Amino acid sequence: MGGWGEYAAAWAVFLASHMLPARPALRGPIVDVVGERAFLAAYSALSILILAWMIGAAGRAPFVPVWGWAWWQAWVVNVAMVAACLLAALGVAVPNPFSIAGARNDRYDPARPGVLALTRHPVLLALALWSGAHLLPNGDLAHVLLFGPFAAISLLGMRALDARRRRRWGTGRFDALLPRGPARLAPARLAAGLALWAALAASHAAVIGVPPWPLPP
């Protein structure tokens, strides 16, 4: 496999790490010891580190072109990333019994759902936007194998989580918890999302090695 070995290892670690929050029997005892907030903070930090490793490993894998690059593809990413950053900021660690990223779920009120009025899975939708948009200007095999599965996992994960909750709760409770209020979005979280987007855009060239603002030839 040559240079593909590190990339395969990064994927293996990512998949193994994401088995934890999907299994209450594994997650529950840890949360009982450290608390929900500390668990989410530690798990989010670990996920970011693993994702950074995967991106780096994809860049170090052998380059096998699948489709070509055009300057306008990067602008699709720029637009999509604004929405992705806003959704991530609005959806992380908020009461959300539908999502594995929810926190303090006992405080969830269907009449005051916040971002859940737009989507029950804001973090997964943010990941789908990030990966789907980045797939377009990264047409080599390693990055197609990175961003393509991430987009698919994110989209299919939303359906899988809903199906799991419906089975566990029953249709009656599931329907009773569906958001029915307006999408009142926290200004502080909106500001945090825009700040996140600005920070990612400003650091992209230095960290990733590719400027996010290409101009037409």
N, C-alpha and C. Protein backbone atom coordinates (compact mmCIF):
# COMPACT_ATOMS: atom_id res chain seq x y z
N MET A 1 0.81 -1.21 0.00
CA MET A 1 0.00 0.00 0.00
C MET A 1 0.84 1.26 0.00
N GLY A 2 2.12 1.15 0.38
CA GLY A 2 3.00 2.31 0.37
C GLY A 2 2.45 3.44 1.23
N GLY A 3 2.28 4.63 0.62
CA GLY A 3 1.83 5.80 1.35
C GLY A 3 0.39 5.76 1.79
N TRP A 4 -0.35 4.72 1.46
CA TRP A 4 -1.74 4.60 1.88
C TRP A 4 -1.87 4.05 3.29
N GLY A 5 -0.79 3.52 3.86
CA GLY A 5 -0.89 2.90 5.18
C GLY A 5 -1.34 3.86 6.27
N GLU A 6 -0.72 5.05 6.34
CA GLU A 6 -1.11 6.02 7.37
C GLU A 6 -2.57 6.45 7.18
N TYR A 7 -2.97 6.62 5.93
CA TYR A 7 -4.33 7.04 5.64
C TYR A 7 -5.34 6.00 6.12
N ALA A 8 -5.06 4.72 5.87
CA ALA A 8 -5.93 3.65 6.33
C ALA A 8 -5.98 3.60 7.85
N ALA A 9 -4.84 3.83 8.51
CA ALA A 9 -4.81 3.82 9.97
C ALA A 9 -5.64 4.97 10.55
N ALA A 10 -5.55 6.14 9.91
CA ALA A 10 -6.33 7.28 10.39
C ALA A 10 -7.83 7.00 10.29
N TRP A 11 -8.25 6.39 9.19
CA TRP A 11 -9.65 6.03 9.03
C TRP A 11 -10.08 5.01 10.08
N ALA A 12 -9.22 4.04 10.36
CA ALA A 12 -9.55 3.02 11.36
C ALA A 12 -9.74 3.64 12.74
N VAL A 13 -8.86 4.55 13.11
CA VAL A 13 -8.97 5.22 14.41
C VAL A 13 -10.24 6.08 14.46
N PHE A 14 -10.54 6.76 13.36
CA PHE A 14 -11.75 7.58 13.32
C PHE A 14 -13.00 6.73 13.52
N LEU A 15 -13.11 5.63 12.80
CA LEU A 15 -14.29 4.78 12.90
C LEU A 15 -14.41 4.17 14.30
N ALA A 16 -13.27 3.75 14.87
CA ALA A 16 -13.30 3.17 16.21
C ALA A 16 -13.73 4.21 17.25
N SER A 17 -13.24 5.44 17.11
CA SER A 17 -13.56 6.48 18.09
C SER A 17 -15.04 6.87 18.05
N HIS A 18 -15.66 6.73 16.89
CA HIS A 18 -17.06 7.13 16.77
C HIS A 18 -18.03 6.00 17.11
N MET A 19 -17.52 4.86 17.54
CA MET A 19 -18.39 3.83 18.07
C MET A 19 -18.84 4.17 19.49
N LEU A 20 -18.06 4.99 20.20
CA LEU A 20 -18.32 5.25 21.62
C LEU A 20 -19.63 6.00 21.87
N PRO A 21 -19.83 7.19 21.30
CA PRO A 21 -21.04 7.92 21.66
C PRO A 21 -22.31 7.28 21.13
N ALA A 22 -22.21 6.39 20.17
CA ALA A 22 -23.40 5.75 19.62
C ALA A 22 -23.88 4.59 20.49
N ARG A 23 -23.11 4.22 21.52
CA ARG A 23 -23.47 3.09 22.37
C ARG A 23 -23.60 3.55 23.82
N PRO A 24 -24.84 3.69 24.29
CA PRO A 24 -25.06 4.16 25.67
C PRO A 24 -24.37 3.30 26.72
N ALA A 25 -24.23 2.00 26.46
CA ALA A 25 -23.59 1.13 27.44
C ALA A 25 -22.12 1.49 27.65
N LEU A 26 -21.49 2.06 26.62
CA LEU A 26 -20.10 2.50 26.74
C LEU A 26 -20.00 3.94 27.21
N ARG A 27 -20.88 4.78 26.67
CA ARG A 27 -20.84 6.21 26.99
C ARG A 27 -21.33 6.49 28.40
N GLY A 28 -22.37 5.78 28.84
CA GLY A 28 -23.00 6.06 30.12
C GLY A 28 -22.05 6.05 31.30
N PRO A 29 -21.26 4.98 31.51
CA PRO A 29 -20.37 4.96 32.67
C PRO A 29 -19.34 6.09 32.67
N ILE A 30 -18.86 6.47 31.48
CA ILE A 30 -17.90 7.57 31.42
C ILE A 30 -18.56 8.88 31.81
N VAL A 31 -19.77 9.12 31.28
CA VAL A 31 -20.50 10.34 31.63
C VAL A 31 -20.81 10.39 33.12
N ASP A 32 -21.12 9.23 33.72
CA ASP A 32 -21.40 9.19 35.15
C ASP A 32 -20.21 9.65 35.98
N VAL A 33 -19.01 9.37 35.47
CA VAL A 33 -17.79 9.72 36.22
C VAL A 33 -17.37 11.17 35.97
N VAL A 34 -17.32 11.59 34.72
CA VAL A 34 -16.76 12.91 34.39
C VAL A 34 -17.83 13.97 34.15
N GLY A 35 -19.07 13.56 33.90
CA GLY A 35 -20.12 14.53 33.61
C GLY A 35 -20.30 14.71 32.10
N GLU A 36 -21.52 15.09 31.71
CA GLU A 36 -21.85 15.22 30.29
C GLU A 36 -21.02 16.29 29.61
N ARG A 37 -20.87 17.44 30.26
CA ARG A 37 -20.16 18.56 29.63
C ARG A 37 -18.69 18.23 29.41
N ALA A 38 -18.04 17.64 30.41
CA ALA A 38 -16.63 17.28 30.27
C ALA A 38 -16.46 16.20 29.21
N PHE A 39 -17.39 15.26 29.16
CA PHE A 39 -17.31 14.21 28.14
C PHE A 39 -17.39 14.81 26.75
N LEU A 40 -18.37 15.69 26.53
CA LEU A 40 -18.53 16.29 25.20
C LEU A 40 -17.31 17.12 24.82
N ALA A 41 -16.76 17.87 25.79
CA ALA A 41 -15.59 18.69 25.50
C ALA A 41 -14.39 17.81 25.11
N ALA A 42 -14.16 16.76 25.89
CA ALA A 42 -13.03 15.88 25.60
C ALA A 42 -13.23 15.14 24.29
N TYR A 43 -14.44 14.68 24.06
CA TYR A 43 -14.70 13.93 22.84
C TYR A 43 -14.60 14.83 21.61
N SER A 44 -15.08 16.07 21.73
CA SER A 44 -14.97 17.00 20.61
C SER A 44 -13.51 17.30 20.29
N ALA A 45 -12.69 17.50 21.34
CA ALA A 45 -11.27 17.76 21.12
C ALA A 45 -10.59 16.56 20.45
N LEU A 46 -10.94 15.35 20.91
CA LEU A 46 -10.36 14.16 20.31
C LEU A 46 -10.79 14.03 18.84
N SER A 47 -12.05 14.31 18.56
CA SER A 47 -12.53 14.20 17.18
C SER A 47 -11.82 15.18 16.27
N ILE A 48 -11.58 16.40 16.76
CA ILE A 48 -10.88 17.40 15.95
C ILE A 48 -9.45 16.94 15.66
N LEU A 49 -8.77 16.38 16.67
CA LEU A 49 -7.40 15.91 16.47
C LEU A 49 -7.36 14.76 15.45
N ILE A 50 -8.30 13.84 15.56
CA ILE A 50 -8.33 12.72 14.61
C ILE A 50 -8.64 13.22 13.21
N LEU A 51 -9.58 14.17 13.09
CA LEU A 51 -9.91 14.73 11.78
C LEU A 51 -8.70 15.44 11.17
N ALA A 52 -7.97 16.18 11.99
CA ALA A 52 -6.77 16.85 11.50
C ALA A 52 -5.75 15.83 11.00
N TRP A 53 -5.63 14.73 11.71
CA TRP A 53 -4.72 13.66 11.27
C TRP A 53 -5.19 13.09 9.93
N MET A 54 -6.49 12.85 9.79
CA MET A 54 -7.01 12.29 8.54
C MET A 54 -6.75 13.22 7.36
N ILE A 55 -6.97 14.53 7.57
CA ILE A 55 -6.73 15.49 6.50
C ILE A 55 -5.26 15.51 6.11
N GLY A 56 -4.39 15.51 7.13
CA GLY A 56 -2.95 15.47 6.84
C GLY A 56 -2.54 14.19 6.14
N ALA A 57 -3.10 13.06 6.57
CA ALA A 57 -2.77 11.78 5.94
C ALA A 57 -3.25 11.73 4.50
N ALA A 58 -4.43 12.34 4.23
CA ALA A 58 -4.91 12.39 2.84
C ALA A 58 -3.96 13.20 1.96
N GLY A 59 -3.41 14.29 2.52
CA GLY A 59 -2.47 15.10 1.76
C GLY A 59 -1.15 14.40 1.51
N ARG A 60 -0.78 13.46 2.40
CA ARG A 60 0.48 12.74 2.23
C ARG A 60 0.33 11.45 1.44
N ALA A 61 -0.91 11.06 1.16
CA ALA A 61 -1.14 9.84 0.37
C ALA A 61 -0.75 10.08 -1.09
N PRO A 62 -0.49 9.02 -1.84
CA PRO A 62 -0.14 9.19 -3.27
C PRO A 62 -1.23 9.95 -4.02
N PHE A 63 -0.82 10.83 -4.90
CA PHE A 63 -1.77 11.65 -5.67
C PHE A 63 -2.26 10.88 -6.88
N VAL A 64 -3.55 10.60 -6.89
CA VAL A 64 -4.18 9.90 -8.02
C VAL A 64 -5.35 10.77 -8.48
N PRO A 65 -5.24 11.49 -9.59
CA PRO A 65 -6.30 12.40 -10.01
C PRO A 65 -7.56 11.65 -10.43
N VAL A 66 -8.71 12.22 -10.06
CA VAL A 66 -10.02 11.67 -10.47
C VAL A 66 -10.74 12.67 -11.36
N TRP A 67 -10.74 13.95 -10.98
CA TRP A 67 -11.24 15.02 -11.84
C TRP A 67 -10.41 16.27 -11.63
N GLY A 68 -10.56 17.24 -12.50
CA GLY A 68 -9.74 18.43 -12.49
C GLY A 68 -10.23 19.51 -11.54
N TRP A 69 -9.37 20.51 -11.36
CA TRP A 69 -9.66 21.63 -10.46
C TRP A 69 -9.99 22.86 -11.29
N ALA A 70 -10.96 23.65 -10.79
CA ALA A 70 -11.29 24.94 -11.39
C ALA A 70 -11.46 25.95 -10.27
N TRP A 71 -11.13 27.22 -10.55
CA TRP A 71 -11.11 28.24 -9.50
C TRP A 71 -12.47 28.42 -8.83
N TRP A 72 -13.57 28.28 -9.57
CA TRP A 72 -14.89 28.53 -9.00
C TRP A 72 -15.29 27.49 -7.96
N GLN A 73 -14.66 26.32 -8.00
CA GLN A 73 -15.01 25.28 -7.03
C GLN A 73 -14.73 25.72 -5.60
N ALA A 74 -13.65 26.48 -5.42
CA ALA A 74 -13.32 26.95 -4.08
C ALA A 74 -14.35 27.94 -3.56
N TRP A 75 -15.01 28.66 -4.43
CA TRP A 75 -16.03 29.61 -3.98
C TRP A 75 -17.30 28.90 -3.54
N VAL A 76 -17.55 27.73 -4.08
CA VAL A 76 -18.64 26.90 -3.54
C VAL A 76 -18.34 26.55 -2.09
N VAL A 77 -17.09 26.22 -1.82
CA VAL A 77 -16.68 25.91 -0.45
C VAL A 77 -16.86 27.12 0.45
N ASN A 78 -16.44 28.30 -0.02
CA ASN A 78 -16.54 29.50 0.81
C ASN A 78 -17.98 29.78 1.23
N VAL A 79 -18.91 29.65 0.30
CA VAL A 79 -20.32 29.90 0.63
C VAL A 79 -20.85 28.83 1.57
N ALA A 80 -20.57 27.57 1.27
CA ALA A 80 -21.08 26.48 2.10
C ALA A 80 -20.52 26.54 3.50
N MET A 81 -19.28 26.99 3.65
CA MET A 81 -18.65 27.00 4.97
C MET A 81 -19.26 28.03 5.90
N VAL A 82 -19.82 29.11 5.36
CA VAL A 82 -20.52 30.06 6.23
C VAL A 82 -21.69 29.35 6.91
N ALA A 83 -22.50 28.65 6.12
CA ALA A 83 -23.63 27.91 6.68
C ALA A 83 -23.17 26.82 7.63
N ALA A 84 -22.10 26.11 7.25
CA ALA A 84 -21.61 25.02 8.09
C ALA A 84 -21.14 25.52 9.45
N CYS A 85 -20.40 26.63 9.46
CA CYS A 85 -19.90 27.17 10.73
C CYS A 85 -21.04 27.68 11.60
N LEU A 86 -22.04 28.31 11.00
CA LEU A 86 -23.19 28.77 11.76
C LEU A 86 -23.94 27.60 12.37
N LEU A 87 -24.18 26.56 11.58
CA LEU A 87 -24.89 25.38 12.09
C LEU A 87 -24.11 24.71 13.22
N ALA A 88 -22.80 24.61 13.05
CA ALA A 88 -21.98 23.98 14.08
C ALA A 88 -22.04 24.78 15.38
N ALA A 89 -21.91 26.09 15.28
CA ALA A 89 -21.95 26.93 16.48
C ALA A 89 -23.32 26.89 17.15
N LEU A 90 -24.37 26.84 16.36
CA LEU A 90 -25.72 26.82 16.90
C LEU A 90 -26.10 25.46 17.47
N GLY A 91 -25.46 24.40 16.97
CA GLY A 91 -25.90 23.06 17.32
C GLY A 91 -25.08 22.31 18.34
N VAL A 92 -23.86 22.75 18.62
CA VAL A 92 -23.00 22.02 19.55
C VAL A 92 -23.43 22.30 20.98
N ALA A 93 -23.56 21.22 21.76
CA ALA A 93 -23.82 21.31 23.20
C ALA A 93 -25.06 22.12 23.54
N VAL A 94 -26.12 21.94 22.76
CA VAL A 94 -27.43 22.51 23.10
C VAL A 94 -28.38 21.36 23.38
N PRO A 95 -29.45 21.61 24.13
CA PRO A 95 -30.42 20.53 24.37
C PRO A 95 -30.97 19.98 23.07
N ASN A 96 -30.69 18.72 22.80
CA ASN A 96 -31.11 18.10 21.54
C ASN A 96 -31.16 16.59 21.72
N PRO A 97 -32.30 16.06 22.12
CA PRO A 97 -32.40 14.61 22.33
C PRO A 97 -32.30 13.79 21.06
N PHE A 98 -32.37 14.44 19.90
CA PHE A 98 -32.30 13.72 18.63
C PHE A 98 -30.87 13.44 18.20
N SER A 99 -29.90 14.11 18.81
CA SER A 99 -28.53 14.08 18.31
C SER A 99 -27.57 13.57 19.37
N ILE A 100 -26.47 12.96 18.94
CA ILE A 100 -25.42 12.54 19.88
C ILE A 100 -24.62 13.73 20.37
N ALA A 101 -24.78 14.90 19.75
CA ALA A 101 -24.05 16.09 20.17
C ALA A 101 -24.84 16.93 21.16
N GLY A 102 -26.03 16.46 21.56
CA GLY A 102 -26.84 17.23 22.49
C GLY A 102 -26.28 17.22 23.89
N ALA A 103 -26.65 18.23 24.66
CA ALA A 103 -26.25 18.34 26.06
C ALA A 103 -27.41 18.92 26.86
N ARG A 104 -27.52 18.51 28.12
CA ARG A 104 -28.62 18.96 28.98
C ARG A 104 -29.97 18.72 28.29
N ASN A 105 -30.14 17.52 27.78
CA ASN A 105 -31.32 17.22 26.97
C ASN A 105 -32.61 17.29 27.76
N ASP A 106 -32.51 17.22 29.10
CA ASP A 106 -33.72 17.34 29.91
C ASP A 106 -34.31 18.75 29.82
N ARG A 107 -33.54 19.70 29.33
CA ARG A 107 -34.02 21.07 29.19
C ARG A 107 -34.64 21.35 27.82
N TYR A 108 -34.65 20.36 26.98
CA TYR A 108 -35.20 20.56 25.63
C TYR A 108 -36.69 20.85 25.69
N ASP A 109 -37.11 21.87 24.96
CA ASP A 109 -38.51 22.27 24.88
C ASP A 109 -38.91 22.33 23.41
N PRO A 110 -39.79 21.44 22.94
CA PRO A 110 -40.19 21.47 21.53
C PRO A 110 -40.78 22.80 21.09
N ALA A 111 -41.33 23.55 22.03
CA ALA A 111 -41.90 24.85 21.68
C ALA A 111 -40.84 25.93 21.54
N ARG A 112 -39.64 25.65 22.04
CA ARG A 112 -38.51 26.61 21.93
C ARG A 112 -37.29 25.84 21.45
N PRO A 113 -37.33 25.36 20.22
CA PRO A 113 -36.28 24.44 19.75
C PRO A 113 -35.01 25.09 19.26
N GLY A 114 -34.99 26.42 19.06
CA GLY A 114 -33.80 27.05 18.52
C GLY A 114 -33.49 26.54 17.12
N VAL A 115 -32.25 26.16 16.89
CA VAL A 115 -31.83 25.73 15.56
C VAL A 115 -32.51 24.43 15.14
N LEU A 116 -33.04 23.67 16.09
CA LEU A 116 -33.70 22.42 15.75
C LEU A 116 -34.96 22.65 14.91
N ALA A 117 -35.48 23.87 14.91
CA ALA A 117 -36.60 24.17 14.04
C ALA A 117 -36.17 24.15 12.57
N LEU A 118 -34.88 24.31 12.32
CA LEU A 118 -34.35 24.24 10.95
C LEU A 118 -33.90 22.83 10.60
N THR A 119 -33.28 22.15 11.54
CA THR A 119 -32.83 20.77 11.33
C THR A 119 -32.62 20.14 12.69
N ARG A 120 -33.04 18.88 12.83
CA ARG A 120 -32.84 18.18 14.10
C ARG A 120 -31.39 17.78 14.31
N HIS A 121 -30.59 17.87 13.26
CA HIS A 121 -29.20 17.42 13.34
C HIS A 121 -28.26 18.50 12.78
N PRO A 122 -28.16 19.63 13.45
CA PRO A 122 -27.36 20.73 12.91
C PRO A 122 -25.88 20.40 12.77
N VAL A 123 -25.33 19.63 13.69
CA VAL A 123 -23.89 19.33 13.62
C VAL A 123 -23.62 18.38 12.45
N LEU A 124 -24.47 17.37 12.28
CA LEU A 124 -24.28 16.46 11.15
C LEU A 124 -24.50 17.17 9.82
N LEU A 125 -25.46 18.10 9.78
CA LEU A 125 -25.67 18.86 8.55
C LEU A 125 -24.48 19.75 8.27
N ALA A 126 -23.89 20.34 9.32
CA ALA A 126 -22.68 21.15 9.14
C ALA A 126 -21.55 20.29 8.58
N LEU A 127 -21.41 19.08 9.09
CA LEU A 127 -20.37 18.17 8.59
C LEU A 127 -20.63 17.79 7.15
N ALA A 128 -21.90 17.58 6.80
CA ALA A 128 -22.25 17.24 5.42
C ALA A 128 -21.92 18.40 4.47
N LEU A 129 -22.21 19.63 4.89
CA LEU A 129 -21.88 20.79 4.07
C LEU A 129 -20.37 20.94 3.91
N TRP A 130 -19.65 20.78 5.01
CA TRP A 130 -18.18 20.89 4.97
C TRP A 130 -17.59 19.85 4.02
N SER A 131 -17.97 18.61 4.19
CA SER A 131 -17.37 17.54 3.40
C SER A 131 -17.85 17.57 1.96
N GLY A 132 -19.16 17.80 1.76
CA GLY A 132 -19.67 17.83 0.40
C GLY A 132 -19.09 18.96 -0.43
N ALA A 133 -18.96 20.13 0.20
CA ALA A 133 -18.38 21.27 -0.52
C ALA A 133 -16.90 21.05 -0.81
N HIS A 134 -16.16 20.51 0.15
CA HIS A 134 -14.73 20.29 -0.06
C HIS A 134 -14.44 19.17 -1.05
N LEU A 135 -15.42 18.31 -1.28
CA LEU A 135 -15.22 17.25 -2.26
C LEU A 135 -15.02 17.83 -3.65
N LEU A 136 -15.71 18.91 -3.97
CA LEU A 136 -15.69 19.46 -5.32
C LEU A 136 -14.30 19.90 -5.78
N PRO A 137 -13.56 20.71 -4.99
CA PRO A 137 -12.25 21.15 -5.48
C PRO A 137 -11.10 20.20 -5.14
N ASN A 138 -11.40 19.06 -4.54
CA ASN A 138 -10.36 18.10 -4.17
C ASN A 138 -10.61 16.79 -4.89
N GLY A 139 -10.27 16.77 -6.19
CA GLY A 139 -10.62 15.65 -7.04
C GLY A 139 -9.57 14.57 -7.14
N ASP A 140 -8.67 14.46 -6.18
CA ASP A 140 -7.74 13.32 -6.17
C ASP A 140 -8.32 12.21 -5.31
N LEU A 141 -7.85 11.00 -5.52
CA LEU A 141 -8.47 9.82 -4.93
C LEU A 141 -8.50 9.87 -3.41
N ALA A 142 -7.38 10.28 -2.78
CA ALA A 142 -7.33 10.28 -1.32
C ALA A 142 -8.39 11.21 -0.73
N HIS A 143 -8.54 12.40 -1.33
CA HIS A 143 -9.52 13.35 -0.80
C HIS A 143 -10.95 12.97 -1.17
N VAL A 144 -11.13 12.34 -2.32
CA VAL A 144 -12.46 11.82 -2.65
C VAL A 144 -12.87 10.77 -1.63
N LEU A 145 -11.90 9.91 -1.24
CA LEU A 145 -12.17 8.89 -0.23
C LEU A 145 -12.30 9.47 1.17
N LEU A 146 -11.87 10.72 1.36
CA LEU A 146 -12.05 11.40 2.64
C LEU A 146 -13.40 12.11 2.70
N PHE A 147 -13.60 13.03 1.76
CA PHE A 147 -14.79 13.88 1.84
C PHE A 147 -16.06 13.16 1.40
N GLY A 148 -15.95 12.25 0.43
CA GLY A 148 -17.14 11.53 -0.02
C GLY A 148 -17.79 10.72 1.09
N PRO A 149 -17.05 9.83 1.76
CA PRO A 149 -17.66 9.08 2.86
C PRO A 149 -18.14 9.96 4.01
N PHE A 150 -17.43 11.05 4.31
CA PHE A 150 -17.90 11.95 5.36
C PHE A 150 -19.27 12.52 5.01
N ALA A 151 -19.44 12.93 3.77
CA ALA A 151 -20.73 13.47 3.35
C ALA A 151 -21.80 12.40 3.44
N ALA A 152 -21.49 11.19 2.98
CA ALA A 152 -22.47 10.10 3.02
C ALA A 152 -22.81 9.71 4.46
N ILE A 153 -21.79 9.58 5.31
CA ILE A 153 -22.02 9.22 6.71
C ILE A 153 -22.88 10.27 7.40
N SER A 154 -22.62 11.53 7.11
CA SER A 154 -23.38 12.61 7.74
C SER A 154 -24.85 12.56 7.33
N LEU A 155 -25.10 12.42 6.04
CA LEU A 155 -26.48 12.40 5.55
C LEU A 155 -27.21 11.15 6.01
N LEU A 156 -26.56 9.99 5.89
CA LEU A 156 -27.20 8.76 6.33
C LEU A 156 -27.33 8.71 7.85
N GLY A 157 -26.39 9.34 8.54
CA GLY A 157 -26.43 9.35 10.00
C GLY A 157 -27.66 10.06 10.54
N MET A 158 -28.11 11.11 9.86
CA MET A 158 -29.32 11.80 10.31
C MET A 158 -30.52 10.87 10.28
N ARG A 159 -30.64 10.12 9.20
CA ARG A 159 -31.76 9.18 9.07
C ARG A 159 -31.61 8.05 10.08
N ALA A 160 -30.39 7.57 10.28
CA ALA A 160 -30.17 6.46 11.21
C ALA A 160 -30.49 6.87 12.64
N LEU A 161 -30.08 8.08 13.04
CA LEU A 161 -30.38 8.55 14.39
C LEU A 161 -31.88 8.69 14.60
N ASP A 162 -32.58 9.25 13.62
CA ASP A 162 -34.03 9.37 13.74
C ASP A 162 -34.69 7.99 13.86
N ALA A 163 -34.24 7.04 13.05
CA ALA A 163 -34.81 5.70 13.10
C ALA A 163 -34.55 5.05 14.46
N ARG A 164 -33.34 5.25 15.00
CA ARG A 164 -33.00 4.67 16.30
C ARG A 164 -33.85 5.29 17.41
N ARG A 165 -34.00 6.61 17.37
CA ARG A 165 -34.82 7.26 18.39
C ARG A 165 -36.28 6.81 18.29
N ARG A 166 -36.77 6.68 17.08
CA ARG A 166 -38.16 6.27 16.91
C ARG A 166 -38.39 4.86 17.46
N ARG A 167 -37.42 3.97 17.22
CA ARG A 167 -37.54 2.61 17.76
C ARG A 167 -37.48 2.60 19.28
N ARG A 168 -36.58 3.43 19.83
CA ARG A 168 -36.38 3.42 21.27
C ARG A 168 -37.53 4.09 22.00
N TRP A 169 -37.99 5.22 21.47
CA TRP A 169 -39.02 5.98 22.15
C TRP A 169 -40.43 5.54 21.79
N GLY A 170 -40.60 5.04 20.58
CA GLY A 170 -41.93 4.83 20.05
C GLY A 170 -42.35 6.04 19.24
N THR A 171 -43.23 5.82 18.28
CA THR A 171 -43.63 6.90 17.38
C THR A 171 -44.30 8.04 18.13
N GLY A 172 -45.12 7.71 19.15
CA GLY A 172 -45.84 8.75 19.88
C GLY A 172 -44.91 9.74 20.55
N ARG A 173 -43.92 9.24 21.29
CA ARG A 173 -42.99 10.15 21.97
C ARG A 173 -42.12 10.89 20.97
N PHE A 174 -41.68 10.18 19.92
CA PHE A 174 -40.86 10.83 18.91
C PHE A 174 -41.59 12.01 18.31
N ASP A 175 -42.83 11.82 17.92
CA ASP A 175 -43.62 12.90 17.31
C ASP A 175 -43.88 14.02 18.31
N ALA A 176 -44.05 13.66 19.59
CA ALA A 176 -44.31 14.68 20.60
C ALA A 176 -43.11 15.58 20.82
N LEU A 177 -41.89 15.06 20.59
CA LEU A 177 -40.67 15.83 20.79
C LEU A 177 -40.23 16.61 19.55
N LEU A 178 -40.92 16.41 18.43
CA LEU A 178 -40.53 17.14 17.22
C LEU A 178 -40.66 18.65 17.44
N PRO A 179 -39.69 19.42 16.94
CA PRO A 179 -39.76 20.89 17.12
C PRO A 179 -41.03 21.45 16.51
N ARG A 180 -41.69 22.34 17.26
CA ARG A 180 -42.91 22.98 16.75
C ARG A 180 -42.92 24.49 16.98
N GLY A 181 -41.83 25.01 17.51
CA GLY A 181 -41.73 26.44 17.72
C GLY A 181 -40.86 27.10 16.66
N PRO A 182 -40.75 28.43 16.71
CA PRO A 182 -39.94 29.14 15.71
C PRO A 182 -38.45 28.96 15.95
N ALA A 183 -37.67 29.22 14.92
CA ALA A 183 -36.22 29.08 14.99
C ALA A 183 -35.60 30.37 15.53
N ARG A 184 -35.66 30.54 16.83
CA ARG A 184 -35.01 31.69 17.47
C ARG A 184 -33.54 31.31 17.71
N LEU A 185 -32.65 32.01 17.03
CA LEU A 185 -31.23 31.66 17.06
C LEU A 185 -30.47 32.61 17.97
N ALA A 186 -29.66 32.04 18.84
CA ALA A 186 -28.92 32.82 19.83
C ALA A 186 -27.91 33.73 19.14
N PRO A 187 -27.98 35.05 19.36
CA PRO A 187 -27.03 35.97 18.71
C PRO A 187 -25.58 35.64 19.04
N ALA A 188 -25.31 35.23 20.27
CA ALA A 188 -23.92 34.93 20.64
C ALA A 188 -23.39 33.74 19.85
N ARG A 189 -24.24 32.76 19.62
CA ARG A 189 -23.81 31.60 18.85
C ARG A 189 -23.66 31.95 17.37
N LEU A 190 -24.52 32.81 16.85
CA LEU A 190 -24.36 33.27 15.48
C LEU A 190 -23.03 33.99 15.31
N ALA A 191 -22.72 34.85 16.28
CA ALA A 191 -21.44 35.57 16.23
C ALA A 191 -20.27 34.60 16.32
N ALA A 192 -20.41 33.56 17.17
CA ALA A 192 -19.34 32.57 17.28
C ALA A 192 -19.16 31.82 15.97
N GLY A 193 -20.26 31.52 15.28
CA GLY A 193 -20.17 30.84 14.00
C GLY A 193 -19.46 31.66 12.96
N LEU A 194 -19.78 32.96 12.89
CA LEU A 194 -19.12 33.84 11.94
C LEU A 194 -17.64 34.00 12.29
N ALA A 195 -17.34 34.07 13.59
CA ALA A 195 -15.94 34.17 14.01
C ALA A 195 -15.17 32.90 13.64
N LEU A 196 -15.82 31.75 13.79
CA LEU A 196 -15.19 30.49 13.40
C LEU A 196 -14.90 30.47 11.91
N TRP A 197 -15.87 30.90 11.11
CA TRP A 197 -15.66 30.94 9.66
C TRP A 197 -14.51 31.87 9.31
N ALA A 198 -14.47 33.05 9.92
CA ALA A 198 -13.41 34.01 9.63
C ALA A 198 -12.04 33.45 10.02
N ALA A 199 -11.98 32.76 11.17
CA ALA A 199 -10.70 32.19 11.62
C ALA A 199 -10.24 31.09 10.67
N LEU A 200 -11.18 30.24 10.24
CA LEU A 200 -10.81 29.17 9.30
C LEU A 200 -10.35 29.74 7.96
N ALA A 201 -11.05 30.76 7.48
CA ALA A 201 -10.67 31.36 6.20
C ALA A 201 -9.31 32.03 6.29
N ALA A 202 -9.05 32.73 7.41
CA ALA A 202 -7.80 33.45 7.56
C ALA A 202 -6.60 32.51 7.71
N SER A 203 -6.82 31.35 8.32
CA SER A 203 -5.70 30.43 8.59
C SER A 203 -5.57 29.34 7.53
N HIS A 204 -6.46 29.29 6.56
CA HIS A 204 -6.49 28.17 5.63
C HIS A 204 -5.19 28.05 4.83
N ALA A 205 -4.70 29.16 4.31
CA ALA A 205 -3.48 29.10 3.50
C ALA A 205 -2.28 28.65 4.33
N ALA A 206 -2.20 29.15 5.58
CA ALA A 206 -1.05 28.79 6.42
C ALA A 206 -1.12 27.35 6.90
N VAL A 207 -2.32 26.90 7.25
CA VAL A 207 -2.46 25.56 7.85
C VAL A 207 -2.58 24.48 6.78
N ILE A 208 -3.41 24.71 5.77
CA ILE A 208 -3.67 23.70 4.74
C ILE A 208 -2.72 23.85 3.56
N GLY A 209 -2.24 25.08 3.33
CA GLY A 209 -1.33 25.31 2.21
C GLY A 209 -2.02 25.73 0.93
N VAL A 210 -3.33 26.01 1.01
CA VAL A 210 -4.10 26.40 -0.16
C VAL A 210 -4.89 27.66 0.17
N PRO A 211 -4.75 28.75 -0.60
CA PRO A 211 -5.53 29.96 -0.32
C PRO A 211 -7.01 29.73 -0.60
N PRO A 212 -7.90 30.26 0.26
CA PRO A 212 -9.33 30.03 0.05
C PRO A 212 -9.98 31.00 -0.92
N TRP A 213 -9.22 31.95 -1.47
CA TRP A 213 -9.80 32.99 -2.32
C TRP A 213 -9.19 32.99 -3.72
N PRO A 214 -9.28 31.91 -4.46
CA PRO A 214 -8.67 31.90 -5.81
C PRO A 214 -9.40 32.81 -6.76
N LEU A 215 -8.64 33.37 -7.70
CA LEU A 215 -9.22 34.26 -8.71
C LEU A 215 -9.22 33.55 -10.07
N PRO A 216 -10.13 33.93 -10.93
CA PRO A 216 -10.15 33.30 -12.26
C PRO A 216 -8.87 33.58 -13.02
N PRO A 217 -8.44 32.65 -13.85
CA PRO A 217 -7.17 32.85 -14.57
C PRO A 217 -7.31 33.96 -15.61
